[in-house]
C-alpha atoms as a PDB file:
ATOM      1  CA  MET A   1       0.064  -0.078  -0.027  1.00  0.00           C
ATOM      2  CA  THR A   2       1.270   3.499  -0.789  1.00  0.00           C
ATOM      3  CA  GLU A   3       1.698   6.092   2.119  1.00  0.00           C
ATOM      4  CA  PRO A   4      -0.709   8.886   2.195  1.00  0.00           C
ATOM      5  CA  ARG A   5       0.247  11.911   0.644  1.00  0.00           C
ATOM      6  CA  ARG A   6       1.943  14.407   2.999  1.00  0.00           C
ATOM      7  CA  PRO A   7       0.547  18.017   2.724  1.00  0.00           C
ATOM      8  CA  SER A   8       2.949  20.552   1.285  1.00  0.00           C
ATOM      9  CA  LEU A   9       3.619  23.906   3.140  1.00  0.00           C
ATOM     10  CA  LEU A  10       5.318  26.911   1.765  1.00  0.00           C
ATOM     11  CA  LEU A  11       7.004  29.073   4.535  1.00  0.00           C
ATOM     12  CA  ALA A  12       8.293  32.743   3.812  1.00  0.00           C
ATOM     13  CA  ASP A  13       9.917  34.415   6.695  1.00  0.00           C
ATOM     14  CA  ASP A  14      13.048  36.772   6.476  1.00  0.00           C
ATOM     15  CA  SER A  15      14.547  35.024   9.570  1.00  0.00           C
ATOM     16  CA  ARG A  16      16.637  31.871   8.969  1.00  0.00           C
ATOM     17  CA  ILE A  17      16.197  31.090  12.632  1.00  0.00           C
ATOM     18  CA  VAL A  18      12.383  31.205  12.410  1.00  0.00           C
ATOM     19  CA  THR A  19      12.146  29.209   9.173  1.00  0.00           C
ATOM     20  CA  LYS A  20      14.540  26.547  10.583  1.00  0.00           C
ATOM     21  CA  LEU A  21      12.495  26.151  13.807  1.00  0.00           C
ATOM     22  CA  LEU A  22       9.126  26.169  11.922  1.00  0.00           C
ATOM     23  CA  SER A  23      10.498  23.827   9.477  1.00  0.00           C
ATOM     24  CA  ARG A  24      11.442  21.423  12.114  1.00  0.00           C
ATOM     25  CA  VAL A  25       8.283  21.607  14.023  1.00  0.00           C
ATOM     26  CA  LEU A  26       6.043  21.329  10.957  1.00  0.00           C
ATOM     27  CA  GLY A  27       8.267  18.411   9.452  1.00  0.00           C
ATOM     28  CA  GLU A  28       7.842  16.550  12.774  1.00  0.00           C
ATOM     29  CA  ALA A  29       4.199  17.019  12.656  1.00  0.00           C
ATOM     30  CA  GLY A  30       4.194  15.106   9.049  1.00  0.00           C
ATOM     31  CA  TYR A  31       4.172  18.063   6.674  1.00  0.00           C
ATOM     32  CA  ARG A  32       6.488  18.787   3.709  1.00  0.00           C
ATOM     33  CA  VAL A  33       7.905  22.255   4.104  1.00  0.00           C
ATOM     34  CA  THR A  34       9.601  24.424   1.689  1.00  0.00           C
ATOM     35  CA  ALA A  35      11.028  27.683   3.251  1.00  0.00           C
ATOM     36  CA  VAL A  36      12.103  30.939   1.643  1.00  0.00           C
ATOM     37  CA  GLN A  37      13.320  34.219   2.996  1.00  0.00           C
ATOM     38  CA  SER A  38      11.402  36.710   0.929  1.00  0.00           C
ATOM     39  CA  GLY A  39       7.897  37.485  -0.483  1.00  0.00           C
ATOM     40  CA  ASP A  40       9.461  37.526  -4.035  1.00  0.00           C
ATOM     41  CA  GLU A  41      10.679  33.933  -3.644  1.00  0.00           C
ATOM     42  CA  ALA A  42       7.352  32.775  -2.189  1.00  0.00           C
ATOM     43  CA  LEU A  43       5.467  34.285  -5.281  1.00  0.00           C
ATOM     44  CA  ALA A  44       7.973  32.710  -7.641  1.00  0.00           C
ATOM     45  CA  LEU A  45       7.901  29.299  -6.185  1.00  0.00           C
ATOM     46  CA  ALA A  46       4.036  29.037  -5.259  1.00  0.00           C
ATOM     47  CA  PRO A  47       3.068  28.173  -8.992  1.00  0.00           C
ATOM     48  CA  ARG A  48       5.507  25.421  -9.322  1.00  0.00           C
ATOM     49  CA  LEU A  49       5.110  24.042  -5.819  1.00  0.00           C
ATOM     50  CA  MET A  50       1.372  24.516  -5.483  1.00  0.00           C
ATOM     51  CA  PRO A  51       1.318  24.045  -1.757  1.00  0.00           C
ATOM     52  CA  ASP A  52      -1.590  23.031   0.381  1.00  0.00           C
ATOM     53  CA  LEU A  53      -1.010  26.045   2.757  1.00  0.00           C
ATOM     54  CA  ILE A  54       1.312  29.118   2.744  1.00  0.00           C
ATOM     55  CA  LEU A  55       2.436  30.601   5.909  1.00  0.00           C
ATOM     56  CA  LEU A  56       3.715  34.169   5.652  1.00  0.00           C
ATOM     57  CA  ASP A  57       5.640  36.620   7.649  1.00  0.00           C
ATOM     58  CA  VAL A  58       4.527  40.348   7.176  1.00  0.00           C
ATOM     59  CA  ASP A  59       7.802  42.196   7.506  1.00  0.00           C
ATOM     60  CA  MET A  60      10.229  40.909   4.720  1.00  0.00           C
ATOM     61  CA  PRO A  61      12.606  42.405   2.293  1.00  0.00           C
ATOM     62  CA  GLY A  62      10.824  43.604  -0.871  1.00  0.00           C
ATOM     63  CA  LEU A  63       7.233  42.521  -0.853  1.00  0.00           C
ATOM     64  CA  SER A  64       5.541  42.424   2.521  1.00  0.00           C
ATOM     65  CA  GLY A  65       3.427  39.457   3.339  1.00  0.00           C
ATOM     66  CA  PHE A  66       0.444  41.488   2.820  1.00  0.00           C
ATOM     67  CA  GLU A  67       1.440  42.320  -0.758  1.00  0.00           C
ATOM     68  CA  VAL A  68       2.409  38.581  -1.392  1.00  0.00           C
ATOM     69  CA  CYS A  69      -1.063  37.583  -0.216  1.00  0.00           C
ATOM     70  CA  ARG A  70      -2.890  40.244  -2.457  1.00  0.00           C
ATOM     71  CA  ARG A  71      -0.987  38.899  -5.620  1.00  0.00           C
ATOM     72  CA  LEU A  72      -1.708  35.355  -4.730  1.00  0.00           C
ATOM     73  CA  LYS A  73      -5.357  35.862  -4.433  1.00  0.00           C
ATOM     74  CA  LYS A  74      -5.401  37.762  -7.903  1.00  0.00           C
ATOM     75  CA  ASP A  75      -3.956  34.427  -9.491  1.00  0.00           C
ATOM     76  CA  PRO A  76      -6.903  32.152 -10.184  1.00  0.00           C
ATOM     77  CA  ALA A  77      -4.529  29.181 -10.148  1.00  0.00           C
ATOM     78  CA  LEU A  78      -3.250  30.186  -6.558  1.00  0.00           C
ATOM     79  CA  ALA A  79      -6.385  32.020  -5.229  1.00  0.00           C
ATOM     80  CA  ASP A  80      -7.631  28.892  -3.486  1.00  0.00           C
ATOM     81  CA  ILE A  81      -4.470  28.143  -1.443  1.00  0.00           C
ATOM     82  CA  PRO A  82      -5.019  29.182   2.174  1.00  0.00           C
ATOM     83  CA  VAL A  83      -2.668  31.851   3.645  1.00  0.00           C
ATOM     84  CA  LEU A  84      -1.719  31.960   7.315  1.00  0.00           C
ATOM     85  CA  PHE A  85       0.064  34.943   8.538  1.00  0.00           C
ATOM     86  CA  VAL A  86       2.663  34.261  11.152  1.00  0.00           C
ATOM     87  CA  THR A  87       4.009  37.560  12.299  1.00  0.00           C
ATOM     88  CA  ALA A  88       5.177  39.806  15.400  1.00  0.00           C
ATOM     89  CA  ARG A  89       2.778  42.381  14.135  1.00  0.00           C
ATOM     90  CA  ASN A  90      -0.193  42.416  16.552  1.00  0.00           C
ATOM     91  CA  GLU A  91      -1.998  45.684  16.196  1.00  0.00           C
ATOM     92  CA  LYS A  92      -5.559  45.604  15.241  1.00  0.00           C
ATOM     93  CA  GLU A  93      -4.817  47.430  11.915  1.00  0.00           C
ATOM     94  CA  ASP A  94      -2.305  44.842  11.032  1.00  0.00           C
ATOM     95  CA  ILE A  95      -4.678  42.047  11.744  1.00  0.00           C
ATOM     96  CA  VAL A  96      -7.495  43.639   9.705  1.00  0.00           C
ATOM     97  CA  THR A  97      -5.163  44.396   6.731  1.00  0.00           C
ATOM     98  CA  GLY A  98      -4.222  40.733   6.851  1.00  0.00           C
ATOM     99  CA  PHE A  99      -7.660  39.467   6.484  1.00  0.00           C
ATOM    100  CA  ALA A 100      -8.476  42.174   3.825  1.00  0.00           C
ATOM    101  CA  ALA A 101      -5.568  41.120   1.915  1.00  0.00           C
ATOM    102  CA  GLY A 102      -7.040  37.572   1.640  1.00  0.00           C
ATOM    103  CA  GLY A 103      -5.507  35.688   4.604  1.00  0.00           C
ATOM    104  CA  GLN A 104      -7.501  32.851   6.125  1.00  0.00           C
ATOM    105  CA  ASP A 105      -5.967  33.170   9.615  1.00  0.00           C
ATOM    106  CA  TYR A 106      -3.584  35.535  11.676  1.00  0.00           C
ATOM    107  CA  VAL A 107      -1.139  34.313  14.408  1.00  0.00           C
ATOM    108  CA  THR A 108       0.922  36.622  16.426  1.00  0.00           C
ATOM    109  CA  LYS A 109       4.293  35.918  17.893  1.00  0.00           C
ATOM    110  CA  PRO A 110       4.934  34.557  20.331  1.00  0.00           C
ATOM    111  CA  TYR A 111       2.821  31.748  20.021  1.00  0.00           C
ATOM    112  CA  THR A 112       2.789  27.983  21.261  1.00  0.00           C
ATOM    113  CA  GLN A 113       3.605  25.147  18.840  1.00  0.00           C
ATOM    114  CA  GLU A 114       0.231  23.550  19.700  1.00  0.00           C
ATOM    115  CA  GLU A 115      -1.534  26.563  18.641  1.00  0.00           C
ATOM    116  CA  LEU A 116       0.290  26.916  15.388  1.00  0.00           C
ATOM    117  CA  LEU A 117      -0.270  23.181  14.519  1.00  0.00           C
ATOM    118  CA  ALA A 118      -3.784  23.475  15.501  1.00  0.00           C
ATOM    119  CA  ARG A 119      -4.422  26.282  13.188  1.00  0.00           C
ATOM    120  CA  VAL A 120      -2.512  24.557  10.274  1.00  0.00           C
ATOM    121  CA  GLN A 121      -4.496  21.448  10.652  1.00  0.00           C
ATOM    122  CA  THR A 122      -7.687  23.317  10.799  1.00  0.00           C
ATOM    123  CA  HIS A 123      -7.016  25.320   7.447  1.00  0.00           C
ATOM    124  CA  LEU A 124      -5.850  22.093   5.675  1.00  0.00           C
ATOM    125  CA  ALA A 125      -8.861  20.350   6.823  1.00  0.00           C
ATOM    126  CA  LEU A 126     -11.132  23.217   5.431  1.00  0.00           C
ATOM    127  CA  LYS A 127      -9.250  23.299   2.128  1.00  0.00           C
ATOM    128  CA  GLN A 128      -9.746  19.489   1.733  1.00  0.00           C
ATOM    129  CA  ALA A 129     -13.376  19.821   2.473  1.00  0.00           C
ATOM    130  CA  GLN A 130     -13.732  22.767   0.002  1.00  0.00           C
ATOM    131  CA  GLU A 131     -12.093  20.513  -2.750  1.00  0.00           C
ATOM    132  CA  LYS A 132     -14.263  17.737  -2.151  1.00  0.00           C
ATOM    133  CA  LEU A 133     -17.263  20.074  -2.471  1.00  0.00           C
ATOM    134  CA  LYS A 134     -16.073  21.424  -5.614  1.00  0.00           C
ATOM    135  CA  ALA A 135     -15.380  17.940  -7.097  1.00  0.00           C
ATOM    136  CA  SER A 136     -18.888  16.949  -6.079  1.00  0.00           C
ATOM    137  CA  GLU A 137     -20.369  20.035  -7.612  1.00  0.00           C
ATOM    138  CA  ALA A 138     -18.500  19.605 -10.732  1.00  0.00           C
ATOM    139  CA  ARG A 139     -19.722  16.022 -10.840  1.00  0.00           C
ATOM    140  CA  TYR A 140     -23.271  17.008 -10.512  1.00  0.00           C
ATOM    141  CA  ARG A 141     -23.264  19.549 -13.260  1.00  0.00           C
ATOM    142  CA  GLU A 142     -21.509  16.872 -15.471  1.00  0.00           C
ATOM    143  CA  LEU A 143     -24.438  14.318 -14.585  1.00  0.00           C
ATOM    144  CA  ALA A 144     -26.767  16.893 -15.218  1.00  0.00           C
ATOM    145  CA  ILE A 145     -25.895  17.119 -19.008  1.00  0.00           C
ATOM    146  CA  ARG A 146     -24.922  13.491 -19.527  1.00  0.00           C
ATOM    147  CA  ASP A 147     -26.827  10.295 -20.419  1.00  0.00           C
ATOM    148  CA  ASP A 148     -26.012   7.421 -17.839  1.00  0.00           C
ATOM    149  CA  LEU A 149     -26.107   4.574 -20.152  1.00  0.00           C
ATOM    150  CA  THR A 150     -23.953   6.064 -23.071  1.00  0.00           C
ATOM    151  CA  GLY A 151     -21.948   8.807 -21.554  1.00  0.00           C
ATOM    152  CA  PHE A 152     -23.188  11.038 -24.400  1.00  0.00           C
ATOM    153  CA  TYR A 153     -24.615  14.343 -23.852  1.00  0.00           C
ATOM    154  CA  ASN A 154     -28.406  14.526 -23.170  1.00  0.00           C
ATOM    155  CA  THR A 155     -31.090  16.550 -25.169  1.00  0.00           C
ATOM    156  CA  ARG A 156     -31.076  19.134 -22.517  1.00  0.00           C
ATOM    157  CA  TYR A 157     -27.271  19.828 -23.210  1.00  0.00           C
ATOM    158  CA  LEU A 158     -27.961  19.847 -27.156  1.00  0.00           C
ATOM    159  CA  TYR A 159     -30.951  22.400 -26.968  1.00  0.00           C
ATOM    160  CA  GLN A 160     -29.062  24.535 -24.559  1.00  0.00           C
ATOM    161  CA  THR A 161     -25.788  24.850 -26.403  1.00  0.00           C
ATOM    162  CA  LEU A 162     -26.169  23.992 -30.224  1.00  0.00           C
ATOM    163  CA  GLN A 163     -27.807  27.432 -31.160  1.00  0.00           C
ATOM    164  CA  GLY A 164     -24.859  29.200 -29.572  1.00  0.00           C
ATOM    165  CA  GLN A 165     -22.447  26.852 -31.647  1.00  0.00           C
ATOM    166  CA  LEU A 166     -24.369  27.931 -34.842  1.00  0.00           C
ATOM    167  CA  ASP A 167     -23.980  31.645 -33.927  1.00  0.00           C
ATOM    168  CA  MET A 168     -20.275  31.056 -33.347  1.00  0.00           C
ATOM    169  CA  HIS A 169     -19.889  29.099 -36.565  1.00  0.00           C
ATOM    170  CA  ARG A 170     -21.763  31.902 -38.416  1.00  0.00           C
ATOM    171  CA  ALA A 171     -19.613  34.577 -37.126  1.00  0.00           C
ATOM    172  CA  GLN A 172     -16.536  32.536 -38.089  1.00  0.00           C
ATOM    173  CA  ASN A 173     -17.872  31.672 -41.543  1.00  0.00           C
ATOM    174  CA  ARG A 174     -17.593  27.772 -40.623  1.00  0.00           C
ATOM    175  CA  HIS A 175     -19.898  24.939 -41.354  1.00  0.00           C
ATOM    176  CA  LEU A 176     -21.397  22.544 -38.878  1.00  0.00           C
ATOM    177  CA  SER A 177     -23.195  19.192 -39.658  1.00  0.00           C
ATOM    178  CA  VAL A 178     -25.532  17.100 -37.594  1.00  0.00           C
ATOM    179  CA  ILE A 179     -26.202  13.638 -38.032  1.00  0.00           C
ATOM    180  CA  PHE A 180     -29.538  11.979 -36.858  1.00  0.00           C
ATOM    181  CA  MET A 181     -28.794   8.223 -36.337  1.00  0.00           C
ATOM    182  CA  ASP A 182     -31.141   5.303 -35.586  1.00  0.00           C
ATOM    183  CA  ILE A 183     -30.563   1.557 -34.971  1.00  0.00           C
ATOM    184  CA  ASP A 184     -32.043  -0.494 -37.649  1.00  0.00           C
ATOM    185  CA  ASN A 185     -34.803  -3.015 -36.611  1.00  0.00           C
ATOM    186  CA  PHE A 186     -33.773  -2.526 -32.883  1.00  0.00           C
ATOM    187  CA  LYS A 187     -37.138  -3.848 -31.788  1.00  0.00           C
ATOM    188  CA  ASN A 188     -36.186  -7.246 -33.203  1.00  0.00           C
ATOM    189  CA  VAL A 189     -32.925  -7.128 -31.190  1.00  0.00           C
ATOM    190  CA  VAL A 190     -34.703  -6.492 -28.055  1.00  0.00           C
ATOM    191  CA  ASP A 191     -37.354  -9.116 -28.619  1.00  0.00           C
ATOM    192  CA  THR A 192     -34.550 -11.697 -29.343  1.00  0.00           C
ATOM    193  CA  TYR A 193     -32.046 -10.888 -26.697  1.00  0.00           C
ATOM    194  CA  GLY A 194     -33.921  -8.901 -23.983  1.00  0.00           C
ATOM    195  CA  HIS A 195     -34.048  -5.328 -22.839  1.00  0.00           C
ATOM    196  CA  LEU A 196     -30.788  -5.688 -20.740  1.00  0.00           C
ATOM    197  CA  ASN A 197     -28.788  -6.777 -23.795  1.00  0.00           C
ATOM    198  CA  GLY A 198     -30.434  -4.171 -25.725  1.00  0.00           C
ATOM    199  CA  SER A 199     -29.137  -1.523 -23.284  1.00  0.00           C
ATOM    200  CA  ARG A 200     -25.874  -3.121 -23.439  1.00  0.00           C
ATOM    201  CA  ILE A 201     -25.774  -2.772 -27.240  1.00  0.00           C
ATOM    202  CA  ILE A 202     -26.611   0.836 -26.997  1.00  0.00           C
ATOM    203  CA  ALA A 203     -23.776   1.460 -24.606  1.00  0.00           C
ATOM    204  CA  GLU A 204     -21.298  -0.441 -26.825  1.00  0.00           C
ATOM    205  CA  LEU A 205     -22.585   1.430 -29.822  1.00  0.00           C
ATOM    206  CA  ALA A 206     -21.910   4.770 -28.144  1.00  0.00           C
ATOM    207  CA  ASP A 207     -18.128   3.543 -27.531  1.00  0.00           C
ATOM    208  CA  VAL A 208     -17.795   2.570 -31.235  1.00  0.00           C
ATOM    209  CA  VAL A 209     -19.121   6.243 -32.207  1.00  0.00           C
ATOM    210  CA  ARG A 210     -16.954   7.886 -29.552  1.00  0.00           C
ATOM    211  CA  GLN A 211     -13.633   6.250 -30.783  1.00  0.00           C
ATOM    212  CA  GLY A 212     -14.178   7.576 -34.358  1.00  0.00           C
ATOM    213  CA  LEU A 213     -15.139  11.315 -33.478  1.00  0.00           C
ATOM    214  CA  PRO A 214     -12.669  14.159 -33.674  1.00  0.00           C
ATOM    215  CA  ALA A 215     -12.061  15.875 -30.438  1.00  0.00           C
ATOM    216  CA  ASP A 216     -14.288  18.908 -30.920  1.00  0.00           C
ATOM    217  CA  CYS A 217     -17.400  16.701 -31.962  1.00  0.00           C
ATOM    218  CA  TYR A 218     -19.920  14.944 -29.728  1.00  0.00           C
ATOM    219  CA  GLY A 219     -22.822  12.471 -29.315  1.00  0.00           C
ATOM    220  CA  VAL A 220     -26.046  12.997 -27.927  1.00  0.00           C
ATOM    221  CA  SER A 221     -28.375  10.374 -26.550  1.00  0.00           C
ATOM    222  CA  TYR A 222     -31.787  11.515 -28.164  1.00  0.00           C
ATOM    223  CA  GLY A 223     -33.782   8.807 -26.715  1.00  0.00           C
ATOM    224  CA  GLY A 224     -33.768   5.069 -26.798  1.00  0.00           C
ATOM    225  CA  ASP A 225     -32.033   3.988 -29.915  1.00  0.00           C
ATOM    226  CA  GLU A 226     -31.846   7.368 -31.438  1.00  0.00           C
ATOM    227  CA  PHE A 227     -28.714   9.584 -31.382  1.00  0.00           C
ATOM    228  CA  VAL A 228     -27.630  12.841 -32.627  1.00  0.00           C
ATOM    229  CA  ILE A 229     -24.004  13.382 -33.626  1.00  0.00           C
ATOM    230  CA  VAL A 230     -22.624  17.125 -33.783  1.00  0.00           C
ATOM    231  CA  LEU A 231     -19.781  17.706 -36.189  1.00  0.00           C
ATOM    232  CA  THR A 232     -18.326  21.137 -35.568  1.00  0.00           C
ATOM    233  CA  GLY A 233     -16.438  22.423 -38.473  1.00  0.00           C
ATOM    234  CA  HIS A 234     -17.661  19.830 -41.006  1.00  0.00           C
ATOM    235  CA  ASP A 235     -19.175  21.009 -44.210  1.00  0.00           C
ATOM    236  CA  ARG A 236     -21.465  18.706 -46.229  1.00  0.00           C
ATOM    237  CA  GLU A 237     -18.896  16.653 -47.717  1.00  0.00           C
ATOM    238  CA  GLN A 238     -16.829  16.323 -44.630  1.00  0.00           C
ATOM    239  CA  GLY A 239     -20.112  15.510 -42.671  1.00  0.00           C
ATOM    240  CA  ARG A 240     -21.093  12.645 -45.130  1.00  0.00           C
ATOM    241  CA  ILE A 241     -17.577  11.209 -44.840  1.00  0.00           C
ATOM    242  CA  MET A 242     -17.921  11.023 -41.332  1.00  0.00           C
ATOM    243  CA  ALA A 243     -21.467   9.766 -40.965  1.00  0.00           C
ATOM    244  CA  GLU A 244     -20.439   6.913 -43.698  1.00  0.00           C
ATOM    245  CA  LYS A 245     -17.346   6.112 -41.333  1.00  0.00           C
ATOM    246  CA  ILE A 246     -19.419   5.862 -38.270  1.00  0.00           C
ATOM    247  CA  ARG A 247     -22.155   3.889 -40.179  1.00  0.00           C
ATOM    248  CA  ARG A 248     -19.479   1.310 -41.320  1.00  0.00           C
ATOM    249  CA  ALA A 249     -17.781   1.035 -38.040  1.00  0.00           C
ATOM    250  CA  ILE A 250     -21.225  -0.002 -36.489  1.00  0.00           C
ATOM    251  CA  GLU A 251     -21.776  -2.468 -39.054  1.00  0.00           C
ATOM    252  CA  GLU A 252     -18.373  -4.047 -38.791  1.00  0.00           C
ATOM    253  CA  ALA A 253     -18.507  -4.250 -34.886  1.00  0.00           C
ATOM    254  CA  GLU A 254     -19.264  -7.220 -32.864  1.00  0.00           C
ATOM    255  CA  PHE A 255     -21.677  -6.390 -30.040  1.00  0.00           C
ATOM    256  CA  LEU A 256     -22.342  -8.543 -26.763  1.00  0.00           C
ATOM    257  CA  ALA A 257     -19.029 -10.422 -27.079  1.00  0.00           C
ATOM    258  CA  GLU A 258     -18.674 -10.456 -23.215  1.00  0.00           C
ATOM    259  CA  GLN A 259     -21.978 -12.221 -22.852  1.00  0.00           C
ATOM    260  CA  GLY A 260     -20.871 -14.933 -25.287  1.00  0.00           C
ATOM    261  CA  LEU A 261     -22.649 -13.470 -28.350  1.00  0.00           C
ATOM    262  CA  SER A 262     -21.860 -12.038 -31.493  1.00  0.00           C
ATOM    263  CA  ILE A 263     -24.393  -9.508 -32.463  1.00  0.00           C
ATOM    264  CA  HIS A 264     -24.160  -7.444 -35.775  1.00  0.00           C
ATOM    265  CA  ILE A 265     -26.225  -4.413 -36.085  1.00  0.00           C
ATOM    266  CA  THR A 266     -26.621  -1.553 -38.552  1.00  0.00           C
ATOM    267  CA  VAL A 267     -27.699   2.097 -38.356  1.00  0.00           C
ATOM    268  CA  SER A 268     -29.367   4.651 -40.700  1.00  0.00           C
ATOM    269  CA  CYS A 269     -28.106   8.183 -40.725  1.00  0.00           C
ATOM    270  CA  GLY A 270     -29.711  11.552 -41.898  1.00  0.00           C
ATOM    271  CA  LEU A 271     -27.252  14.223 -42.536  1.00  0.00           C
ATOM    272  CA  ALA A 272     -27.939  18.053 -42.455  1.00  0.00           C
ATOM    273  CA  THR A 273     -25.415  20.876 -42.637  1.00  0.00           C
ATOM    274  CA  PHE A 274     -25.346  24.473 -41.329  1.00  0.00           C
ATOM    275  CA  PRO A 275     -25.682  26.784 -43.073  1.00  0.00           C
ATOM    276  CA  ASP A 276     -26.432  25.459 -46.339  1.00  0.00           C
ATOM    277  CA  ASP A 277     -29.418  23.333 -45.296  1.00  0.00           C
ATOM    278  CA  ALA A 278     -30.702  25.319 -42.360  1.00  0.00           C
ATOM    279  CA  GLN A 279     -30.000  28.563 -40.302  1.00  0.00           C
ATOM    280  CA  THR A 280     -31.606  27.549 -36.933  1.00  0.00           C
ATOM    281  CA  LEU A 281     -31.209  24.634 -34.501  1.00  0.00           C
ATOM    282  CA  THR A 282     -34.929  23.596 -34.992  1.00  0.00           C
ATOM    283  CA  ASP A 283     -34.645  23.387 -38.838  1.00  0.00           C
ATOM    284  CA  LEU A 284     -31.230  21.815 -38.704  1.00  0.00           C
ATOM    285  CA  LEU A 285     -32.374  18.990 -36.541  1.00  0.00           C
ATOM    286  CA  ALA A 286     -35.752  18.730 -38.363  1.00  0.00           C
ATOM    287  CA  HIS A 287     -33.860  18.482 -41.587  1.00  0.00           C
ATOM    288  CA  ALA A 288     -31.550  15.800 -40.423  1.00  0.00           C
ATOM    289  CA  ASP A 289     -34.506  13.939 -38.954  1.00  0.00           C
ATOM    290  CA  HIS A 290     -36.187  14.188 -42.194  1.00  0.00           C
ATOM    291  CA  ALA A 291     -33.025  12.815 -44.026  1.00  0.00           C
ATOM    292  CA  LEU A 292     -32.883   9.923 -41.629  1.00  0.00           C
ATOM    293  CA  PHE A 293     -36.552   9.104 -42.339  1.00  0.00           C
ATOM    294  CA  ALA A 294     -35.590   8.940 -46.214  1.00  0.00           C
ATOM    295  CA  ALA A 295     -32.620   6.669 -45.370  1.00  0.00           C
ATOM    296  CA  LYS A 296     -35.046   4.361 -43.780  1.00  0.00           C
ATOM    297  CA  ASN A 297     -37.271   4.283 -46.745  1.00  0.00           C
ATOM    298  CA  GLN A 298     -34.215   3.497 -48.844  1.00  0.00           C
ATOM    299  CA  GLY A 299     -33.402   0.170 -47.356  1.00  0.00           C
ATOM    300  CA  LYS A 300     -31.892   1.110 -43.946  1.00  0.00           C
ATOM    301  CA  ASN A 301     -28.053   0.871 -43.282  1.00  0.00           C
ATOM    302  CA  HIS A 302     -27.784   3.925 -45.315  1.00  0.00           C
ATOM    303  CA  VAL A 303     -26.586   7.512 -45.043  1.00  0.00           C
ATOM    304  CA  THR A 304     -28.745  10.271 -46.620  1.00  0.00           C
ATOM    305  CA  ALA A 305     -28.127  13.941 -46.747  1.00  0.00           C
ATOM    306  CA  PHE A 306     -30.910  16.492 -46.649  1.00  0.00           C
ATOM    307  CA  SER A 307     -29.413  17.970 -49.820  1.00  0.00           C
ATOM    308  CA  GLU A 308     -30.221  14.864 -51.678  1.00  0.00           C
ATOM    309  CA  LEU A 309     -33.802  14.985 -51.097  1.00  0.00           C
END
């Protein structure tokens, strides 16, 4: 088993005696300590070290601890690192200035080792709790726009963002293609192999599609066995090539292999391109859906572009 990660502390104090003493005390408490003697050194080192906590003296050559803290808090990459002032300045105005600069706590000299360690531990625990909360919030936001089965975006995301993408492509004089895709005869697959295996096929199909998509393109689970593929920067011809590539990849794939089966399926695709075929989100999706309907009527396992109708 790997040892738990030791929290990293950055200590800035112009007194080598103080930095040596604090480094020993904090090191014995289980922390990794990097000590510097000036505010400029602290600012230079912080982006590389990315410490869990910064301890600052106020009176240092060059930049004061207050100014160092202000600059740290202005940097989005460093702003969330808690700052603990450890200083001989104990006037009310100094303490207020420290908190106004963005410090999380203010310890005045002389202090006991127990007090300092307790404050360090408290702020490290608070930082860890905040990081977990942010991670949970990010996860919930992601879940709100993702389909659980396929990992594709959901229709909420599609309708919230696609019009903005069209406006951006219009301003940049770029194309965007949309594929409406449907699994052929999927009801027969479900009737033969069951709903659970039907869901597995949908999930595996999403993986096949994802592997062939450029980085700036994405899939949307539109409902059941229907999907929308958004191809940013793809004109009509490029969109057709990509749609055919996806259709062929699905046709050649083997599904439910882990269940001891070898299932082959096909899909039909309808393609519409902005701005050639439509100017709005609603028309673009409607035209792609219309092209999909035509692909079904043409015998399925086929790609049909709206421009061909």
